[in-house]
Amino acid sequence: MQLTELTGPIEMQASEGNLSAEVKQIDFDSRKVGPGSVFVAIRGAQVDGHDYIGRAVEQGAVAIVAEQLPQERLAGIAYIQVADSATALGRMASLFYGQPSRKLKLVGVTGTNGKTTTATLLYDLFTALGYKAGLLSTVCNKIGRESLPAAYTTPDAVAIQALLRDMVDAGCDYAFMEVSSHAAHQKRIEGLHFAGGIFTNITHDHLDYHKTFQAYIEAKKTFFDILPKTAFALVNADDKRGSVMVQNTRAKKYTYSLQAMASFRARLLDNSITGLHLDIGGREFFSRLIGEFNAYNLLAVFGAAILLGQEEVETLTALSRLGAVEGRFDYVSGPQSRRIGIVDYAHTPDALEKVLNTIHQFREGDSRIITVVGCGGDRDKAKRPRMARAACDYSDQVVLTSDNPRSEDPDVIIAEMQQGIPPNAHGKVLSITNRREAIRTACRLAREGDIILIAGKGHEKYQEIKGVRYPFDDKEELAQALAES
C-alpha cells in the first residue's frame, strides 16, 4: 500500500519527501520498526515517541508522522506533520487494515463496572444465536471460538485494527469490545466505526491517571461523542450521569432501567442464590447470573441485541442459558462443609459494595461474611481507604492483603487502606501481606454457613510484584484453602 493511500483521512500541517513510498507496516513503538514502516511518534504518559524518530529511521522507516518534525530530515524519507499523532495513528491503521470495523457490526461497552460482563455476554449471546462473533475484553480476545490472551482492557490502535481484520477474515458478523477511559482519552478508538455504544455506570476509578473525577467522566463521554448518526447509544438511565454521556452524541439515544421509564425496562421479581427472575417487557425471564448488578448487565445486553435487529423471544431464550463470566461472582464450595467461597473482580469501592450487598441478601441465619481485599499499586490511591471502609461496612471479618503491588511496597498500600477502617471496626480487621496466606486465614476463620469473598483480581492468573508477574489464581488458591481447612 502506498503512503498516499493512508494519508487521506489525516489533516497534514506540512509534508515533504516521498509520499508515494510503499508501506509494509505501521508502528508507534520504535522497537518494532523495520524496512517499509511508517513510524508515528506518539506523546505518551511515560515516553515521547518523538525522541525515537532517529532510531526508527535507522531501522528502515520510510515515513515519519509526528506533531513536531526533527531538525535533521534525511532525503528519501517522507515526513508528515500533524496536529495530533494519536488521531492520525488510528485513522491510518484503519485504512492500512482495510477499514475492518465497517465490514462487521462493532459495539463498544464503557463504564466503571460491568464492561467485561456485558461485552462477554453479548459475544456469548450472538454466538448462541448462530452468528460468528469477535470479542475484545479484559479477560481475553476471541475470534470466533479461538481465544487469544488480552494484555489490556482496550488494545492499542494498531492492535485493535489488526484483531478486527482477523475477525473479518474469519467471517465474523459482529464484534464486541470494552472501551476503557484510558483508550478513549488516548484515542486508541480513533478510526473505528461503531454500530453502537453502551454505558453501564460510572463511579470513582483511575484518578491516578485522570486526576479528577470530572476528567474521568469526560474521557468516557468522548466515546459517545465520536459515534456516527447511524449508531445507537444505549445508556443506564438509573445512573445520574447516563444523560451526560449522550449530550453531544450524533447516535440514536436509548435507555435501559430497573427503576424508571426507559426504552428497555425490567422489573426484578426475585434475586436469590439460584439466580435472577426478571420481567422484561412483560415477559418473565430467568438467569443463572446473580445480583442486581447482573440484572442491569442482562438488560443492557438484551437492549443492544434488539437494537441490532434480533427477535425478542429468541434473544431472551438464548440469554437465559448463559452462565457467569470468569472471575465475576465465581463460586467455590468447601468439600467438607457448607462454606461458600466467591471470587470477584470487584476492585472499586462501588463494585465491592454491590457484591457484598448481593451476598448479604443470600446469607442465612447467623452465617458471616469474610472479605479478603487489597488494592493495586501504581493506581488510584484515593480509593484505598474507601475500599477498606466498604469491606468493613458490609463484612463480619476483613482481611486486608496485597493485590498487584506492582512497583509499590504492599505494606504501604495496606497502611493507606487501614486509614479507612471505622474506629469501631479495628477488632474485625486483620492485615496479612501475603495474599496466599490471607486467603488461607480467611478459610480457617470460616465456620459452616459462612461466605468468603476474595475480591479484586477475579480472572487474573498472576500477581505482579516489582515488575514480575508470578502465577497466582484466586479461584485455585481459594479451592485449595477450603479443602485444606
Protein backbone atom coordinates (compact mmCIF):
# COMPACT_ATOMS: atom_id res chain seq x y z
CA MET A 1 0.00 0.00 0.00
CA GLN A 2 1.29 3.46 -0.88
CA LEU A 3 1.71 6.15 1.76
CA THR A 4 -0.59 8.48 -0.18
CA GLU A 5 -3.43 5.96 0.32
CA LEU A 6 -3.03 6.21 4.10
CA THR A 7 -2.85 9.97 4.44
CA GLY A 8 -6.29 10.81 3.04
CA PRO A 9 -8.17 10.96 6.38
CA ILE A 10 -5.47 12.82 8.31
CA GLU A 11 -5.00 16.57 8.40
CA MET A 12 -1.43 17.25 7.33
CA GLN A 13 0.05 20.54 8.51
CA ALA A 14 3.18 20.01 6.46
CA SER A 15 4.77 17.26 4.39
CA GLU A 16 7.91 16.59 2.41
CA GLY A 17 9.71 13.66 0.85
CA ASN A 18 8.47 10.60 -0.95
CA LEU A 19 4.73 10.35 -0.22
CA SER A 20 4.43 7.51 -2.75
CA ALA A 21 6.62 5.19 -0.68
CA GLU A 22 5.40 1.61 -0.31
CA VAL A 23 4.24 0.92 3.26
CA LYS A 24 4.58 -2.55 4.81
CA GLN A 25 3.50 -1.82 8.38
CA ILE A 26 2.53 0.95 10.81
CA ASP A 27 4.31 1.29 14.16
CA PHE A 28 4.29 3.65 17.13
CA ASP A 29 6.84 1.55 19.05
CA SER A 30 10.27 2.23 17.57
CA ARG A 31 11.45 -1.24 18.67
CA LYS A 32 9.07 -2.84 16.16
CA VAL A 33 10.05 -0.65 13.20
CA GLY A 34 11.50 -2.42 10.18
CA PRO A 35 12.08 -1.70 6.48
CA GLY A 36 8.96 -0.19 4.96
CA SER A 37 7.46 1.00 8.26
CA VAL A 38 5.57 4.21 8.90
CA PHE A 39 6.60 5.38 12.36
CA VAL A 40 4.02 7.51 14.17
CA ALA A 41 5.52 9.45 17.07
CA ILE A 42 3.07 9.48 20.00
CA ARG A 43 3.45 11.56 23.14
CA GLY A 44 2.69 9.01 25.88
CA ALA A 45 2.33 9.37 29.64
CA GLN A 46 5.81 7.91 30.22
CA VAL A 47 7.60 8.09 26.86
CA ASP A 48 7.60 10.58 24.00
CA GLY A 49 7.84 8.84 20.64
CA HIS A 50 9.41 11.98 19.13
CA ASP A 51 12.61 11.06 20.98
CA TYR A 52 12.85 7.86 18.92
CA ILE A 53 12.40 9.21 15.40
CA GLY A 54 16.14 8.81 14.70
CA ARG A 55 16.08 5.17 15.76
CA ALA A 56 13.02 4.50 13.60
CA VAL A 57 14.78 5.93 10.55
CA GLU A 58 17.89 3.85 11.27
CA GLN A 59 15.74 0.71 11.41
CA GLY A 60 14.23 1.29 7.98
CA ALA A 61 11.20 3.56 8.41
CA VAL A 62 10.15 5.06 5.07
CA ALA A 63 7.93 7.71 6.65
CA ILE A 64 7.64 9.66 9.88
CA VAL A 65 4.35 11.09 11.17
CA ALA A 66 4.80 13.47 14.08
CA GLU A 67 3.47 16.57 15.79
CA GLN A 68 6.92 18.11 15.63
CA LEU A 69 9.33 17.20 12.83
CA PRO A 70 13.03 16.72 13.60
CA GLN A 71 15.53 19.40 12.62
CA GLU A 72 17.56 16.87 10.64
CA ARG A 73 15.49 15.30 7.86
CA LEU A 74 17.00 12.75 5.50
CA ALA A 75 16.44 12.55 1.77
CA GLY A 76 14.25 9.66 0.66
CA ILE A 77 12.22 9.67 3.90
CA ALA A 78 8.70 11.12 3.96
CA TYR A 79 7.99 13.49 6.87
CA ILE A 80 4.43 14.43 7.75
CA GLN A 81 3.45 16.89 10.46
CA VAL A 82 0.05 16.56 12.12
CA ALA A 83 -1.73 18.29 14.98
CA ASP A 84 -2.46 15.04 16.82
CA SER A 85 -0.39 11.91 16.22
CA ALA A 86 -2.74 9.60 18.14
CA THR A 87 -5.65 10.57 15.90
CA ALA A 88 -3.51 10.09 12.81
CA LEU A 89 -2.37 6.65 14.01
CA GLY A 90 -5.92 5.34 14.47
CA ARG A 91 -7.13 6.61 11.12
CA MET A 92 -4.10 5.37 9.20
CA ALA A 93 -4.23 1.97 10.90
CA SER A 94 -7.88 1.63 9.92
CA LEU A 95 -7.05 2.23 6.25
CA PHE A 96 -3.98 0.00 6.38
CA TYR A 97 -6.10 -2.94 7.56
CA GLY A 98 -8.92 -2.22 5.10
CA GLN A 99 -11.35 -0.47 7.50
CA PRO A 100 -12.45 -3.74 9.13
CA SER A 101 -14.88 -2.09 11.57
CA ARG A 102 -17.06 -1.16 8.59
CA LYS A 103 -17.24 -4.78 7.47
CA LEU A 104 -18.90 -6.06 10.65
CA LYS A 105 -21.09 -4.57 13.37
CA LEU A 106 -18.90 -3.30 16.20
CA VAL A 107 -20.40 -2.45 19.61
CA GLY A 108 -18.39 -0.79 22.38
CA VAL A 109 -19.14 -1.01 26.10
CA THR A 110 -17.88 1.60 28.55
CA GLY A 111 -18.42 2.37 32.23
CA THR A 112 -16.66 1.74 35.53
CA ASN A 113 -18.23 -1.64 36.31
CA GLY A 114 -19.88 -4.26 34.13
CA LYS A 115 -17.87 -3.74 30.92
CA THR A 116 -16.39 -7.22 30.81
CA THR A 117 -19.61 -9.00 31.75
CA THR A 118 -21.71 -7.02 29.26
CA ALA A 119 -19.28 -7.40 26.35
CA THR A 120 -18.74 -11.11 27.06
CA LEU A 121 -22.47 -11.81 27.40
CA LEU A 122 -23.04 -10.09 24.06
CA TYR A 123 -20.39 -12.28 22.47
CA ASP A 124 -21.85 -15.41 24.08
CA LEU A 125 -25.41 -14.42 23.12
CA PHE A 126 -24.69 -13.78 19.44
CA THR A 127 -22.63 -16.95 19.27
CA ALA A 128 -25.61 -18.85 20.73
CA LEU A 129 -27.87 -17.19 18.17
CA GLY A 130 -25.78 -18.73 15.41
CA TYR A 131 -23.53 -15.82 14.44
CA LYS A 132 -19.77 -15.77 14.30
CA ALA A 133 -18.58 -13.03 16.63
CA GLY A 134 -15.43 -11.43 18.00
CA LEU A 135 -14.61 -10.16 21.48
CA LEU A 136 -12.05 -7.68 22.83
CA SER A 137 -12.13 -7.77 26.63
CA THR A 138 -10.12 -7.63 29.82
CA VAL A 139 -10.31 -11.40 30.22
CA CYS A 140 -9.45 -12.43 26.66
CA ASN A 141 -9.88 -11.64 22.98
CA LYS A 142 -11.85 -14.04 20.81
CA ILE A 143 -12.12 -14.54 17.07
CA GLY A 144 -15.00 -16.91 16.64
CA ARG A 145 -14.24 -19.77 19.03
CA GLU A 146 -10.50 -19.05 19.11
CA SER A 147 -9.25 -17.39 22.30
CA LEU A 148 -6.28 -15.03 22.41
CA PRO A 149 -4.65 -13.52 25.52
CA ALA A 150 -5.60 -9.95 26.46
CA ALA A 151 -2.96 -7.68 27.98
CA TYR A 152 -5.13 -4.56 28.38
CA THR A 153 -8.82 -3.65 28.65
CA THR A 154 -8.54 -1.97 25.26
CA PRO A 155 -5.53 -2.74 23.00
CA ASP A 156 -3.58 -0.04 21.14
CA ALA A 157 -5.00 1.43 17.92
CA VAL A 158 -2.90 -0.76 15.60
CA ALA A 159 -3.63 -3.96 17.52
CA ILE A 160 -7.38 -3.24 17.51
CA GLN A 161 -7.42 -2.84 13.74
CA ALA A 162 -5.33 -5.99 13.26
CA LEU A 163 -7.67 -8.00 15.50
CA LEU A 164 -10.75 -6.69 13.71
CA ARG A 165 -9.14 -7.55 10.37
CA ASP A 166 -8.62 -11.11 11.61
CA MET A 167 -12.27 -11.20 12.71
CA VAL A 168 -13.46 -10.07 9.29
CA ASP A 169 -11.21 -12.61 7.56
CA ALA A 170 -12.60 -15.33 9.85
CA GLY A 171 -16.15 -14.43 8.80
CA CYS A 172 -17.32 -12.66 11.96
CA ASP A 173 -20.59 -10.73 11.65
CA TYR A 174 -20.29 -8.89 14.99
CA ALA A 175 -17.59 -7.72 17.38
CA PHE A 176 -18.00 -6.55 20.97
CA MET A 177 -15.33 -4.63 22.84
CA GLU A 178 -14.68 -2.97 26.16
CA VAL A 179 -13.81 0.70 25.81
CA SER A 180 -11.73 1.92 28.75
CA SER A 181 -11.37 5.56 29.77
CA HIS A 182 -7.63 5.32 29.02
CA ALA A 183 -8.36 4.13 25.49
CA ALA A 184 -10.85 6.90 24.84
CA HIS A 185 -8.53 9.59 26.22
CA GLN A 186 -5.52 8.24 24.32
CA LYS A 187 -7.62 7.98 21.12
CA ARG A 188 -6.99 4.28 20.69
CA ILE A 189 -10.56 4.01 19.33
CA GLU A 190 -9.94 6.65 16.65
CA GLY A 191 -10.63 5.27 13.19
CA LEU A 192 -13.23 2.77 14.42
CA HIS A 193 -16.76 2.73 13.04
CA PHE A 194 -19.19 1.68 15.78
CA ALA A 195 -22.67 0.28 15.23
CA GLY A 196 -23.47 1.05 18.85
CA GLY A 197 -22.23 2.07 22.27
CA ILE A 198 -23.35 1.01 25.76
CA PHE A 199 -22.86 2.90 29.04
CA THR A 200 -23.11 0.79 32.22
CA ASN A 201 -22.38 3.18 35.12
CA ILE A 202 -19.68 5.43 36.48
CA THR A 203 -18.04 5.68 39.90
CA HIS A 204 -14.65 6.90 41.09
CA ASP A 205 -11.77 5.00 39.46
CA HIS A 206 -8.48 5.61 37.63
CA LEU A 207 -7.94 9.00 39.28
CA ASP A 208 -4.24 8.16 39.27
CA TYR A 209 -4.41 8.73 35.52
CA HIS A 210 -7.26 11.20 35.01
CA LYS A 211 -6.51 13.22 38.21
CA THR A 212 -10.12 14.38 38.67
CA PHE A 213 -13.49 12.62 38.56
CA GLN A 214 -14.73 15.17 36.03
CA ALA A 215 -11.83 14.37 33.70
CA TYR A 216 -12.66 10.67 34.06
CA ILE A 217 -16.29 11.36 33.11
CA GLU A 218 -15.21 13.45 30.12
CA ALA A 219 -12.94 10.64 28.91
CA LYS A 220 -15.84 8.18 28.97
CA LYS A 221 -18.08 10.72 27.24
CA THR A 222 -15.71 11.12 24.27
CA PHE A 223 -16.62 7.58 23.20
CA PHE A 224 -20.23 8.64 22.67
CA ASP A 225 -19.12 11.91 21.08
CA ILE A 226 -17.49 10.01 18.20
CA LEU A 227 -20.40 7.65 17.49
CA PRO A 228 -21.87 8.17 14.00
CA LYS A 229 -25.51 9.07 13.47
CA THR A 230 -26.14 5.54 12.18
CA ALA A 231 -25.18 4.05 15.57
CA PHE A 232 -27.18 3.58 18.75
CA ALA A 233 -26.21 4.91 22.19
CA LEU A 234 -27.73 2.78 24.97
CA VAL A 235 -27.26 4.21 28.47
CA ASN A 236 -28.22 3.22 32.00
CA ALA A 237 -31.00 5.65 32.96
CA ASP A 238 -30.60 4.75 36.65
CA ASP A 239 -27.11 6.25 36.69
CA LYS A 240 -27.42 10.02 37.05
CA ARG A 241 -24.58 10.54 34.57
CA GLY A 242 -26.17 8.45 31.86
CA SER A 243 -27.74 11.51 30.24
CA VAL A 244 -24.41 13.36 30.42
CA MET A 245 -22.74 10.67 28.32
CA VAL A 246 -25.01 11.31 25.34
CA GLN A 247 -25.34 15.10 25.49
CA ASN A 248 -23.35 15.61 22.29
CA THR A 249 -23.71 12.29 20.53
CA ARG A 250 -25.00 12.02 16.98
CA ALA A 251 -26.15 8.46 17.62
CA LYS A 252 -29.76 7.49 18.27
CA LYS A 253 -30.36 7.58 22.03
CA TYR A 254 -31.91 4.72 24.02
CA THR A 255 -32.09 3.95 27.74
CA TYR A 256 -32.45 0.92 30.00
CA SER A 257 -33.64 0.89 33.60
CA LEU A 258 -34.86 -1.14 36.56
CA GLN A 259 -36.34 1.90 38.29
CA ALA A 260 -37.73 4.35 35.74
CA MET A 261 -39.42 4.58 32.37
CA ALA A 262 -36.95 3.66 29.65
CA SER A 263 -36.61 2.24 26.15
CA PHE A 264 -35.84 -1.12 27.76
CA ARG A 265 -37.23 -1.73 31.22
CA ALA A 266 -37.16 -4.67 33.59
CA ARG A 267 -38.63 -5.47 37.00
CA LEU A 268 -36.64 -7.54 39.44
CA LEU A 269 -39.06 -10.24 40.65
CA ASP A 270 -36.59 -12.38 42.59
CA ASN A 271 -32.88 -12.27 43.33
CA SER A 272 -31.64 -15.42 45.03
CA ILE A 273 -28.65 -17.71 45.26
CA THR A 274 -30.10 -19.70 42.36
CA GLY A 275 -30.26 -16.72 40.01
CA LEU A 276 -32.40 -13.83 38.79
CA HIS A 277 -36.11 -13.75 37.95
CA LEU A 278 -36.99 -10.68 35.89
CA ASP A 279 -39.90 -9.25 33.98
CA ILE A 280 -38.50 -7.79 30.75
CA GLY A 281 -41.06 -6.07 28.58
CA GLY A 282 -43.91 -8.13 30.02
CA ARG A 283 -42.08 -11.44 29.60
CA GLU A 284 -40.76 -13.47 32.53
CA PHE A 285 -37.07 -14.23 32.30
CA PHE A 286 -34.78 -16.45 34.39
CA SER A 287 -30.99 -16.30 34.52
CA ARG A 288 -28.33 -18.22 36.42
CA LEU A 289 -26.49 -14.95 36.99
CA ILE A 290 -26.78 -13.48 40.48
CA GLY A 291 -27.25 -9.97 41.85
CA GLU A 292 -28.97 -6.76 40.86
CA PHE A 293 -25.84 -5.55 39.08
CA ASN A 294 -26.19 -8.51 36.73
CA ALA A 295 -29.83 -7.61 36.15
CA TYR A 296 -28.52 -4.33 34.69
CA ASN A 297 -25.92 -6.17 32.62
CA LEU A 298 -28.51 -8.58 31.22
CA LEU A 299 -30.92 -5.75 30.41
CA ALA A 300 -28.18 -3.83 28.58
CA VAL A 301 -27.34 -6.95 26.56
CA PHE A 302 -30.99 -7.55 25.73
CA GLY A 303 -31.48 -3.92 24.63
CA ALA A 304 -28.37 -3.98 22.45
CA ALA A 305 -29.45 -7.24 20.82
CA ILE A 306 -32.85 -5.80 19.93
CA LEU A 307 -31.24 -2.64 18.54
CA LEU A 308 -29.03 -4.91 16.42
CA GLY A 309 -32.16 -6.44 14.89
CA GLN A 310 -32.63 -9.60 16.93
CA GLU A 311 -36.05 -11.04 17.83
CA GLU A 312 -37.15 -10.62 21.47
CA VAL A 313 -38.28 -14.14 22.42
CA GLU A 314 -35.34 -15.83 20.71
CA THR A 315 -32.95 -13.39 22.38
CA LEU A 316 -34.39 -13.94 25.87
CA THR A 317 -34.36 -17.71 25.40
CA ALA A 318 -30.68 -17.74 24.40
CA LEU A 319 -29.78 -15.21 27.11
CA SER A 320 -31.39 -17.33 29.83
CA ARG A 321 -28.99 -20.18 29.05
CA LEU A 322 -25.80 -18.18 29.53
CA GLY A 323 -23.60 -18.54 32.61
CA ALA A 324 -21.39 -16.15 34.55
CA VAL A 325 -18.20 -14.62 33.18
CA GLU A 326 -14.95 -15.93 34.65
CA GLY A 327 -13.91 -14.10 37.81
CA ARG A 328 -17.29 -12.42 38.20
CA PHE A 329 -19.13 -13.87 41.20
CA ASP A 330 -17.37 -17.22 40.72
CA TYR A 331 -18.42 -19.87 43.26
CA VAL A 332 -16.18 -22.30 45.11
CA SER A 333 -17.67 -24.62 47.75
CA GLY A 334 -15.80 -26.31 50.57
CA PRO A 335 -15.76 -30.12 50.08
CA GLN A 336 -16.45 -31.00 53.72
CA SER A 337 -18.69 -28.14 54.85
CA ARG A 338 -21.31 -25.63 53.79
CA ARG A 339 -18.79 -22.85 53.48
CA ILE A 340 -19.08 -20.88 50.24
CA GLY A 341 -16.22 -19.07 48.56
CA ILE A 342 -16.76 -16.36 45.95
CA VAL A 343 -14.12 -14.82 43.69
CA ASP A 344 -14.97 -11.46 42.13
CA TYR A 345 -13.07 -8.82 40.16
CA ALA A 346 -14.54 -6.01 42.32
CA HIS A 347 -11.69 -3.53 42.52
CA THR A 348 -13.56 -0.25 43.10
CA PRO A 349 -15.47 0.77 46.24
CA ASP A 350 -18.77 0.80 44.34
CA ALA A 351 -18.24 -2.66 42.84
CA LEU A 352 -17.21 -4.08 46.23
CA GLU A 353 -20.29 -2.61 47.91
CA LYS A 354 -22.55 -4.10 45.22
CA VAL A 355 -21.04 -7.56 45.51
CA LEU A 356 -21.22 -7.52 49.32
CA ASN A 357 -24.79 -6.20 49.24
CA THR A 358 -25.71 -9.09 47.00
CA ILE A 359 -24.05 -11.60 49.34
CA HIS A 360 -26.00 -10.09 52.26
CA GLN A 361 -29.26 -10.94 50.51
CA PHE A 362 -28.30 -14.62 50.32
CA ARG A 363 -26.81 -15.37 53.69
CA GLU A 364 -28.90 -17.39 56.11
CA GLY A 365 -29.22 -17.43 59.89
CA ASP A 366 -26.02 -16.49 61.68
CA SER A 367 -23.72 -17.03 58.69
CA ARG A 368 -20.94 -14.48 58.45
CA ILE A 369 -19.26 -12.69 55.56
CA ILE A 370 -15.45 -12.76 55.50
CA THR A 371 -13.83 -10.49 52.91
CA VAL A 372 -10.26 -10.64 51.62
CA VAL A 373 -9.35 -7.49 49.70
CA GLY A 374 -6.39 -5.41 48.60
CA CYS A 375 -5.63 -2.54 46.23
CA GLY A 376 -3.35 -2.43 43.21
CA GLY A 377 -0.12 -0.50 43.22
CA ASP A 378 0.63 2.39 40.84
CA ARG A 379 -3.11 3.07 40.63
CA ASP A 380 -5.67 5.44 42.14
CA LYS A 381 -4.61 5.93 45.79
CA ALA A 382 -7.77 7.83 46.73
CA LYS A 383 -9.88 4.68 46.62
CA ARG A 384 -7.69 2.68 49.03
CA PRO A 385 -9.29 3.83 52.32
CA ARG A 386 -12.71 3.70 50.67
CA MET A 387 -12.17 0.06 49.69
CA ALA A 388 -11.32 -0.83 53.29
CA ARG A 389 -14.34 1.13 54.55
CA ALA A 390 -16.68 -0.67 52.15
CA ALA A 391 -15.30 -4.06 53.24
CA CYS A 392 -15.75 -3.16 56.91
CA ASP A 393 -19.27 -1.79 56.44
CA TYR A 394 -20.56 -4.96 54.78
CA SER A 395 -18.43 -7.74 56.31
CA ASP A 396 -18.17 -9.51 59.66
CA GLN A 397 -14.46 -10.14 59.23
CA VAL A 398 -11.99 -8.39 56.90
CA VAL A 399 -8.52 -9.44 55.81
CA LEU A 400 -6.54 -6.68 54.11
CA THR A 401 -3.84 -8.05 51.83
CA SER A 402 -1.72 -7.48 48.76
CA ASP A 403 -3.32 -7.27 45.30
CA ASN A 404 -0.93 -6.46 42.44
CA PRO A 405 1.51 -4.15 44.25
CA ARG A 406 3.47 -3.59 41.04
CA SER A 407 6.30 -1.15 41.89
CA GLU A 408 4.90 -0.14 45.29
CA ASP A 409 5.54 -1.57 48.74
CA PRO A 410 2.45 -3.68 49.56
CA ASP A 411 2.72 -2.81 53.26
CA VAL A 412 2.43 0.88 52.38
CA ILE A 413 -0.68 0.18 50.28
CA ILE A 414 -2.25 -1.75 53.17
CA ALA A 415 -1.40 1.08 55.58
CA GLU A 416 -3.22 3.52 53.29
CA MET A 417 -6.22 1.17 53.21
CA GLN A 418 -6.21 0.99 57.00
CA GLN A 419 -6.95 4.72 57.16
CA GLY A 420 -10.49 3.90 56.01
CA ILE A 421 -11.25 1.47 58.85
CA PRO A 422 -14.02 2.92 61.07
CA PRO A 423 -12.97 3.41 64.74
CA ASN A 424 -15.26 0.64 65.97
CA ALA A 425 -14.18 -1.87 63.32
CA HIS A 426 -10.47 -2.38 64.04
CA GLY A 427 -11.22 -5.52 66.05
CA LYS A 428 -12.58 -7.35 63.00
CA VAL A 429 -9.74 -6.45 60.62
CA LEU A 430 -6.56 -8.43 60.03
CA SER A 431 -3.72 -7.31 57.77
CA ILE A 432 -1.76 -10.10 56.08
CA THR A 433 0.51 -9.00 53.26
CA ASN A 434 0.96 -12.44 51.65
CA ARG A 435 -2.18 -12.98 49.56
CA ARG A 436 -1.99 -16.78 49.69
CA GLU A 437 -1.74 -16.72 53.48
CA ALA A 438 -4.56 -14.15 53.67
CA ILE A 439 -6.87 -16.48 51.72
CA ARG A 440 -5.90 -19.46 53.88
CA THR A 441 -6.50 -17.46 57.05
CA ALA A 442 -9.95 -16.41 55.86
CA CYS A 443 -10.84 -20.05 55.20
CA ARG A 444 -9.56 -21.12 58.64
CA LEU A 445 -11.70 -18.41 60.25
CA ALA A 446 -14.82 -19.53 58.38
CA ARG A 447 -17.44 -21.68 60.06
CA GLU A 448 -20.17 -23.76 58.43
CA GLY A 449 -22.53 -21.50 56.51
CA ASP A 450 -20.07 -18.60 56.25
CA ILE A 451 -19.38 -16.87 52.93
CA ILE A 452 -15.83 -15.92 51.95
CA LEU A 453 -15.31 -13.22 49.32
CA ILE A 454 -11.94 -12.90 47.61
CA ALA A 455 -12.13 -9.54 45.85
CA GLY A 456 -10.04 -7.56 43.40
CA LYS A 457 -8.29 -9.91 40.97
CA GLY A 458 -11.09 -12.08 39.61
CA HIS A 459 -9.99 -13.73 36.35
CA GLU A 460 -6.32 -12.74 36.65
CA LYS A 461 -3.88 -15.63 36.76
CA TYR A 462 -0.92 -13.71 38.14
CA GLN A 463 0.29 -11.36 40.85
CA GLU A 464 2.56 -8.54 39.72
CA ILE A 465 5.37 -7.66 42.14
CA LYS A 466 8.27 -5.35 41.25
CA GLY A 467 7.66 -5.72 37.52
CA VAL A 468 7.48 -9.54 37.61
CA ARG A 469 4.25 -11.49 37.11
CA TYR A 470 4.09 -14.58 39.32
CA PRO A 471 1.46 -17.30 38.72
CA PHE A 472 -1.47 -16.73 41.08
CA ASP A 473 -5.11 -17.72 40.63
CA ASP A 474 -7.55 -16.60 43.35
CA LYS A 475 -10.04 -19.33 42.47
CA GLU A 476 -7.42 -22.09 42.66
CA GLU A 477 -5.99 -20.70 45.88
CA LEU A 478 -9.45 -20.46 47.43
CA ALA A 479 -10.42 -24.01 46.44
CA GLN A 480 -7.19 -25.39 47.87
CA ALA A 481 -7.53 -23.40 51.09
CA LEU A 482 -11.11 -24.59 51.59
CA ALA A 483 -10.03 -28.18 51.03
CA GLU A 484 -7.15 -27.89 53.49
CA SER A 485 -9.20 -26.22 56.24
